[in-house]
Amino acid sequence: MSVERTLHHFPLDPASRQVRLALGEKRLPFADNVVRYWEQPKDFVALNPTGVPPVLVEVQNGQSLVICEARAILEHLDEQVPQPPMLGRDAAERAEARRLMQWFDRKFNDEVNGFLLHEKLEKRLLKLGAPDLYAMRQGRDNLRGHLTYLEKLLQNRDWLAGKRLSYADFAAGANISVLDYFGDIPWRDFPAVKTWYMTLKSRPAFRPILADRWPGLAPAGHYDDLDF
């Protein structure tokens, strides 16, 4: 039976990008609905009371299923469409993929996005004034620490969780791609991370991400360049 999918998302939201990458990698067609979530539209809040994207709505045989938040959606997709498996093929790979997904959902989000994306993106959307330079400097310092850790992992691995592409790579790629949109990744200092990211952004699933634009926020010049 066919399933009709609609993804409610925001293009520059890392969590939304993780789900878009998963849908693309699994070659699952979907309609997309861009949500101005900061305005708390009633129809969207009715789908997800937290008021944050992403939300995936599936309709099959007239029955609707609403799945909220990236982690729940990703787990659901791997259960319903097991090929290709994105959580790893054995227990060790799955454990490592989940660990790194949590790393980005919690630690990276708090220490990096909570500074850089808040100052550069959220403040603009919410009309909260100019970015705070001290907060941005703190975010960039924290970012270098995270990139140093990823560099060490990728010097000994083909992909972040091991030998195969996994949701861990999508978690990292989604977050890093938004920061790269704003030109905040010091690629020259992290060659292993750069090689990994070039490989990731060359995948067909990544093409819609590279086409993202938001009015008044132009991306860095190299953002959609596959050979940057």
Foldseek 3Di string as FASTA:
>chain_A
DDKAKEKEAALLDLLSQLLLLLCVVLVPDYHYHYDLQVVPDVVQCVLPVVSHDIWMWIADPNDIDIFGTRVRSNVVCCVVRVPPPFCDDDPQLNVLLVVLLVCLVPVLCVQACVQQVCQPPVCVSVVVDHGDPVSNVSNLVSVVVVLVVQLVQLVPAVANSHPDHHSSRSSVLSVVLSCQQAPSDPCVVRVSVVVSNLVVCPDPSNVVSLVDDDPPRGGPPCSNPSVD
